[in-house]
Structures are given as structure tokens and as C-alpha cells.
Protein backbone atom coordinates (compact mmCIF):
# COMPACT_ATOMS: atom_id res chain seq x y z
CA UNK A 1 204.15 -14.96 -75.31
CA UNK A 2 203.62 -13.49 -78.90
CA UNK A 3 201.62 -14.88 -81.52
CA UNK A 4 205.04 -16.55 -83.36
CA UNK A 5 205.51 -18.62 -80.09
CA UNK A 6 202.28 -19.93 -80.35
CA UNK A 7 201.37 -23.36 -82.55
CA UNK A 8 198.26 -24.06 -84.76
CA UNK A 9 196.42 -27.32 -84.08
CA UNK A 10 198.09 -28.89 -87.05
CA UNK A 11 201.65 -28.12 -85.66
CA UNK A 12 200.73 -29.29 -82.27
CA UNK A 13 199.40 -32.41 -83.90
CA UNK A 14 202.95 -32.89 -85.70
CA UNK A 15 204.52 -32.58 -82.42
CA UNK A 16 202.58 -35.37 -80.71
CA UNK A 17 202.25 -37.92 -83.52
CA UNK A 18 205.67 -39.65 -82.54
CA UNK A 19 204.80 -40.16 -79.08
CA UNK A 20 201.10 -40.65 -79.73
CA UNK A 21 200.53 -42.02 -83.34
CA UNK A 22 196.90 -42.49 -82.86
CA UNK A 23 196.15 -38.75 -81.80
CA UNK A 24 194.01 -36.76 -84.20
CA UNK A 25 192.78 -33.38 -84.45
CA UNK A 26 189.44 -34.75 -83.67
CA UNK A 27 190.64 -35.93 -80.51
CA UNK A 28 192.43 -32.67 -79.72
CA UNK A 29 188.93 -30.92 -80.51
CA UNK A 30 187.15 -33.34 -78.45
CA UNK A 31 189.37 -32.80 -75.07
CA UNK A 32 188.76 -28.99 -75.90
CA UNK A 33 184.97 -29.59 -75.79
CA UNK A 34 185.37 -31.38 -72.59
CA UNK A 35 187.11 -28.48 -70.84
CA UNK A 36 190.48 -30.27 -70.36
CA UNK A 37 192.45 -28.08 -72.65
CA UNK A 38 191.74 -24.16 -73.21
CA UNK A 39 193.64 -23.01 -76.44
CA UNK A 40 193.61 -19.44 -77.14
CA UNK A 41 192.01 -18.23 -80.30
CA UNK A 42 193.15 -15.75 -83.06
CA UNK A 43 191.09 -12.81 -84.11
CA UNK A 44 189.83 -15.21 -87.06
CA UNK A 45 188.81 -17.92 -84.47
CA UNK A 46 191.66 -20.34 -85.20
CA UNK A 47 193.09 -22.03 -82.11
CA UNK A 48 196.57 -21.20 -81.00
CA UNK A 49 198.39 -23.25 -78.35
CA UNK A 50 201.10 -21.96 -75.87
CA UNK A 51 203.89 -24.44 -74.25
CA UNK A 52 201.76 -24.82 -71.29
CA UNK A 53 198.88 -25.85 -73.15
CA UNK A 54 200.80 -28.70 -75.20
CA UNK A 55 202.26 -30.02 -72.21
CA UNK A 56 198.80 -30.05 -70.45
CA UNK A 57 197.75 -32.16 -73.58
CA UNK A 58 200.69 -34.28 -73.43
CA UNK A 59 199.78 -35.31 -69.69
CA UNK A 60 196.23 -36.11 -70.44
CA UNK A 61 197.28 -38.37 -73.48
CA UNK A 62 199.74 -40.15 -71.28
CA UNK A 63 197.29 -40.69 -68.64
CA UNK A 64 194.87 -42.08 -71.28
CA UNK A 65 197.31 -44.24 -72.68
CA UNK A 66 199.36 -45.59 -69.65
CA UNK A 67 197.03 -45.46 -66.72
CA UNK A 68 193.45 -45.96 -69.06
CA UNK A 69 192.11 -43.02 -66.80
CA UNK A 70 188.67 -41.80 -67.59
CA UNK A 71 188.58 -37.95 -68.54
CA UNK A 72 186.65 -37.04 -65.04
CA UNK A 73 189.65 -38.70 -63.20
CA UNK A 74 192.27 -36.77 -65.31
CA UNK A 75 190.16 -33.74 -65.08
CA UNK A 76 190.46 -33.89 -61.19
CA UNK A 77 194.08 -34.47 -61.36
CA UNK A 78 194.28 -31.42 -63.74
CA UNK A 79 192.43 -29.27 -61.16
CA UNK A 80 194.69 -29.99 -58.55
CA UNK A 81 197.69 -28.88 -60.29
CA UNK A 82 199.78 -25.60 -59.96
CA UNK A 83 198.55 -22.25 -60.83
CA UNK A 84 201.01 -21.90 -63.66
CA UNK A 85 199.51 -24.52 -66.03
CA UNK A 86 202.62 -26.61 -66.09
CA UNK A 87 202.37 -30.31 -65.74
CA UNK A 88 204.99 -31.32 -63.21
CA UNK A 89 205.31 -34.85 -63.57
CA UNK A 90 206.66 -34.91 -67.06
CA UNK A 91 208.62 -31.89 -67.14
CA UNK A 92 211.97 -33.65 -67.04
CA UNK A 93 210.79 -35.64 -69.92
CA UNK A 94 208.74 -33.71 -72.30
CA UNK A 95 210.59 -31.76 -74.98
CA UNK A 96 210.37 -27.93 -75.09
CA UNK A 97 208.53 -26.60 -78.03
CA UNK A 98 210.37 -24.80 -80.80
CA UNK A 99 208.95 -23.33 -83.75
CA UNK A 100 211.45 -24.85 -85.87
CA UNK A 101 210.13 -28.44 -84.91
CA UNK A 102 206.53 -27.60 -86.03
CA UNK A 103 205.80 -28.14 -89.63
CA UNK A 104 206.68 -25.36 -92.25
CA UNK A 105 204.23 -26.73 -94.64
CA UNK A 106 201.14 -25.95 -92.55
CA UNK A 107 198.38 -28.40 -91.47
CA UNK A 108 197.99 -31.17 -90.75
CA UNK A 109 201.35 -31.88 -89.35
CA UNK A 110 205.37 -32.00 -89.44
CA UNK A 111 206.27 -34.42 -92.27
CA UNK A 112 209.11 -35.87 -90.00
CA UNK A 113 206.58 -37.09 -87.45
CA UNK A 114 204.12 -38.39 -89.85
CA UNK A 115 206.79 -40.48 -91.41
CA UNK A 116 207.50 -42.18 -88.02
CA UNK A 117 203.69 -42.99 -87.43
CA UNK A 118 202.64 -46.37 -88.56
CA UNK A 119 201.10 -46.29 -92.20
CA UNK A 120 198.33 -48.28 -91.38
CA UNK A 121 197.19 -49.89 -87.77
CA UNK A 122 198.39 -53.44 -87.45
CA UNK A 123 196.18 -56.32 -85.86
CA UNK A 124 198.18 -55.69 -82.59
CA UNK A 125 197.55 -51.78 -82.61
CA UNK A 126 193.90 -52.35 -83.23
CA UNK A 127 193.85 -54.97 -80.37
CA UNK A 128 195.41 -52.59 -78.22
CA UNK A 129 193.26 -49.85 -78.88
CA UNK A 130 190.30 -51.91 -77.80
CA UNK A 131 191.37 -50.81 -74.29
CA UNK A 132 190.04 -47.52 -74.85
CA UNK A 133 186.63 -48.49 -75.63
CA UNK A 134 184.18 -48.29 -72.65
CA UNK A 135 180.68 -49.77 -71.77
CA UNK A 136 177.29 -48.49 -72.18
CA UNK A 137 177.16 -47.73 -68.16
CA UNK A 138 180.80 -46.26 -68.21
CA UNK A 139 179.80 -43.83 -71.01
CA UNK A 140 176.62 -42.60 -69.52
CA UNK A 141 178.54 -42.12 -66.32
CA UNK A 142 181.42 -40.21 -68.00
CA UNK A 143 179.23 -37.85 -69.97
CA UNK A 144 176.58 -37.76 -67.48
CA UNK A 145 174.05 -38.56 -70.48
CA UNK A 146 170.69 -39.49 -70.64
CA UNK A 147 170.28 -43.47 -71.39
CA UNK A 148 167.28 -42.55 -73.29
CA UNK A 149 169.33 -40.26 -75.62
CA UNK A 150 172.06 -42.80 -76.10
CA UNK A 151 169.40 -45.58 -77.18
CA UNK A 152 167.84 -43.02 -79.75
CA UNK A 153 171.09 -42.47 -81.26
CA UNK A 154 171.88 -46.00 -81.74
CA UNK A 155 168.65 -47.01 -82.76
CA UNK A 156 168.99 -44.27 -85.70
CA UNK A 157 172.67 -45.57 -86.62
CA UNK A 158 174.43 -42.27 -85.12
CA UNK A 159 176.68 -44.39 -83.14
CA UNK A 160 177.45 -48.20 -83.47
CA UNK A 161 178.52 -49.95 -80.43
CA UNK A 162 180.62 -53.07 -80.72
CA UNK A 163 178.81 -56.20 -79.07
CA UNK A 164 181.26 -58.06 -76.82
CA UNK A 165 179.46 -61.04 -75.29
CA UNK A 166 175.93 -59.43 -74.24
CA UNK A 167 177.60 -55.89 -73.67
CA UNK A 168 177.80 -52.93 -75.59
CA UNK A 169 181.25 -51.16 -76.03
CA UNK A 170 181.57 -47.83 -77.37
CA UNK A 171 184.97 -46.38 -78.91
CA UNK A 172 186.27 -42.81 -78.26
CA UNK A 173 184.70 -41.55 -81.60
CA UNK A 174 181.34 -42.77 -80.40
CA UNK A 175 181.63 -41.23 -76.96
CA UNK A 176 182.65 -37.99 -79.03
CA UNK A 177 179.34 -38.13 -81.39
CA UNK A 178 177.09 -38.92 -78.01
CA UNK A 179 178.73 -35.90 -76.17
CA UNK A 180 178.09 -33.40 -79.27
CA UNK A 181 174.74 -34.91 -80.25
CA UNK A 182 173.56 -34.91 -76.61
CA UNK A 183 174.12 -31.22 -76.55
CA UNK A 184 172.33 -30.66 -79.64
CA UNK A 185 169.15 -32.64 -78.45
CA UNK A 186 169.30 -30.48 -75.14
CA UNK A 187 168.85 -27.48 -77.40
CA UNK A 188 165.94 -28.68 -79.29
CA UNK A 189 167.69 -30.46 -82.44
CA UNK A 190 165.77 -33.72 -82.82
CA UNK A 191 167.78 -36.97 -83.73
CA UNK A 192 166.31 -37.04 -87.02
CA UNK A 193 168.13 -33.81 -88.24
CA UNK A 194 171.28 -35.10 -86.64
CA UNK A 195 171.00 -38.02 -89.20
CA UNK A 196 170.77 -35.49 -91.90
CA UNK A 197 174.41 -34.44 -90.51
CA UNK A 198 175.86 -38.05 -90.76
CA UNK A 199 174.47 -38.57 -94.42
CA UNK A 200 176.14 -35.15 -95.44
CA UNK A 201 179.33 -36.17 -93.72
CA UNK A 202 179.04 -39.50 -95.45
CA UNK A 203 178.67 -37.78 -98.86
CA UNK A 204 181.38 -35.31 -98.13
CA UNK A 205 183.71 -38.33 -97.30
CA UNK A 206 182.86 -39.99 -100.47
CA UNK A 207 184.12 -36.76 -102.58
CA UNK A 208 187.47 -36.84 -100.40
CA UNK A 209 187.80 -40.72 -101.02
CA UNK A 210 187.65 -40.08 -104.79
CA UNK A 211 190.75 -37.73 -104.31
CA UNK A 212 192.95 -39.86 -102.17
CA UNK A 213 192.10 -43.42 -103.86
CA UNK A 214 194.71 -43.14 -106.69
CA UNK A 215 197.51 -42.65 -103.82
CA UNK A 216 196.13 -45.80 -102.00
CA UNK A 217 195.74 -47.79 -105.27
CA UNK A 218 199.80 -47.37 -105.57
CA UNK A 219 200.24 -49.56 -102.54
CA UNK A 220 203.31 -48.22 -101.05
CA UNK A 221 203.95 -46.41 -97.73
CA UNK A 222 205.08 -42.65 -99.24
CA UNK A 223 201.79 -42.79 -101.33
CA UNK A 224 199.60 -43.92 -98.41
CA UNK A 225 201.34 -41.34 -96.32
CA UNK A 226 200.42 -38.72 -98.85
CA UNK A 227 196.67 -39.84 -99.11
CA UNK A 228 196.42 -39.39 -95.38
CA UNK A 229 198.04 -35.96 -95.33
CA UNK A 230 195.51 -34.97 -98.21
CA UNK A 231 192.38 -36.40 -96.16
CA UNK A 232 193.29 -34.43 -93.03
CA UNK A 233 193.96 -31.38 -94.94
CA UNK A 234 190.45 -31.73 -96.97
CA UNK A 235 188.94 -32.42 -93.59
CA UNK A 236 190.11 -29.44 -92.04
CA UNK A 237 189.30 -27.22 -95.01
CA UNK A 238 185.84 -28.59 -94.87
CA UNK A 239 185.36 -27.65 -91.32
CA UNK A 240 186.49 -24.06 -91.93
CA UNK A 241 184.48 -23.87 -95.14
CA UNK A 242 181.40 -25.26 -93.31
CA UNK A 243 181.79 -22.59 -90.45
CA UNK A 244 182.39 -19.64 -92.66
CA UNK A 245 178.76 -20.63 -94.26
CA UNK A 246 176.86 -20.93 -91.18
CA UNK A 247 178.56 -17.74 -90.47
CA UNK A 248 177.48 -15.88 -93.41
CA UNK A 249 173.97 -17.46 -93.09
CA UNK A 250 173.58 -16.28 -89.37
CA UNK A 251 175.06 -12.87 -90.32
CA UNK A 252 171.81 -11.09 -90.50
CA UNK A 253 171.08 -12.23 -86.75
CA UNK A 254 174.73 -11.39 -85.66
CA UNK A 255 174.35 -7.88 -87.17
CA UNK A 256 170.79 -7.42 -85.77
CA UNK A 257 172.41 -8.38 -82.23
CA UNK A 258 174.86 -5.56 -82.29
CA UNK A 259 172.83 -2.78 -83.01
């Protein structure tokens, strides 16, 4: 498959938004971090998705939404799939990917799909999203995580579970943070250092918020959509810039490694 037949992560998001209005770039990256999808990379390190990889992603999202399956069960299903990487159960309904369907304006998504996505979650949508929350026990089982680590993350405010009765419920984003944070901790990075990342992210968002608030104050769907597009673009640019800065900082070590 030539490069022109691959899609960027933003273009993939544009194709998925109509069917999965709640999907985000962060969600796609999380599924990659869990090994459920394996997009290829360009020479510059950007993700590029083939048709089979997008169909695999559709399958995962459908299983989560319609059957509420945990990732470990979905992974088992995928591992039992055919060798060509295509997901058979949905081939007759999933549209083929055409480059013309993807956005010509770049990240974060195709404008026609963003227009069809809800401008803001309704009360019923938020309630429905509760089904994706999981308990402490389920979280620990799915991530094979250490309860001591989870307690430390909660105590330091890195994740804030929602209390239902006497049960702590964790959102998909909580789960993503716990998964990533646990890997840092396993590599010797202390929780207090992770807190500095959280504070940095909050300051970063504060800067982005200043840019999108003028659109949100207009209180109309078109302006809100523009604000959300701008926020996604700024978030993606921040990820790229942060990666570049870390790469520059580590360049001396990388150069020494190649000698």
C-alpha cells in the first residue's frame, strides 16, 4: 500500500466520528498503547493507518459500545481473527475508506463528520457514558495494576474516581492515566514528579482556554464547533512540540548511542 492510501490519525478520527461521536485522538492512542491496534509510522514518527487497521479500530469501538466488553476480552477476540487483519463480522456494513472521504483540511477531523457530532454532550449522553466506567477491582484486573500504586495516584490527585454509594468508579480517561502512570512508576519515576506533569498540563490547557473562550461566548453551534476544532488542533500541536523538545534534549545521548 502506498503512502497516499494511508490515513493520518486526524483523518481516521474524521471517519469514525459519525458512528462514534465520543471517540477522541486520546482514545485511539490509548488503544494503541494497549496493543489493540498497531498503526505504522512515517519516517518522521507520525502514525499512518491502513484500511485493515481502521476496520480493526471500528470493531474494538463497537464491541465496547454495544457489548460493553473489557479490552482483555476484545484482545482475545482479535487474536483469534484471520491472518489478513480484516474484521469479518462487520465487513458487510463498514464503509470502505476512500481518501476523498477524509479531511482535506488536516487534523483533527473531516468537517462534515464534526458537524454531525453533537456540539455538547446531553444529560442522556452523559448518563449513557457511565456504562463505560469501571470499579476499582475491574480497573486493577484489566490493567493488572498494583493497588498500592492506584491508591497513591488517587491520594495525589492524579485520578479522581466518582463515588457511587461506597464504590469508586473510574472513567476511561482515569484508566488511561493509571495505565501510563503505572508504567512511569515501574521505571523509577516518582508520583510527585507525575504531579508536575499534571500541573503543567493544566497550565497548558489554561492557555488554550484563552483562545477558545471567545468562540464559546458566542453561544452558537458553529462557534462551539470551531472552538472544539481549535482545541483539538492546539492539543495535537502541543503533543508534537513536547515530543520535539524532549527529542532535542535527549539528542546528545542518542548521538552517543549510535557511535
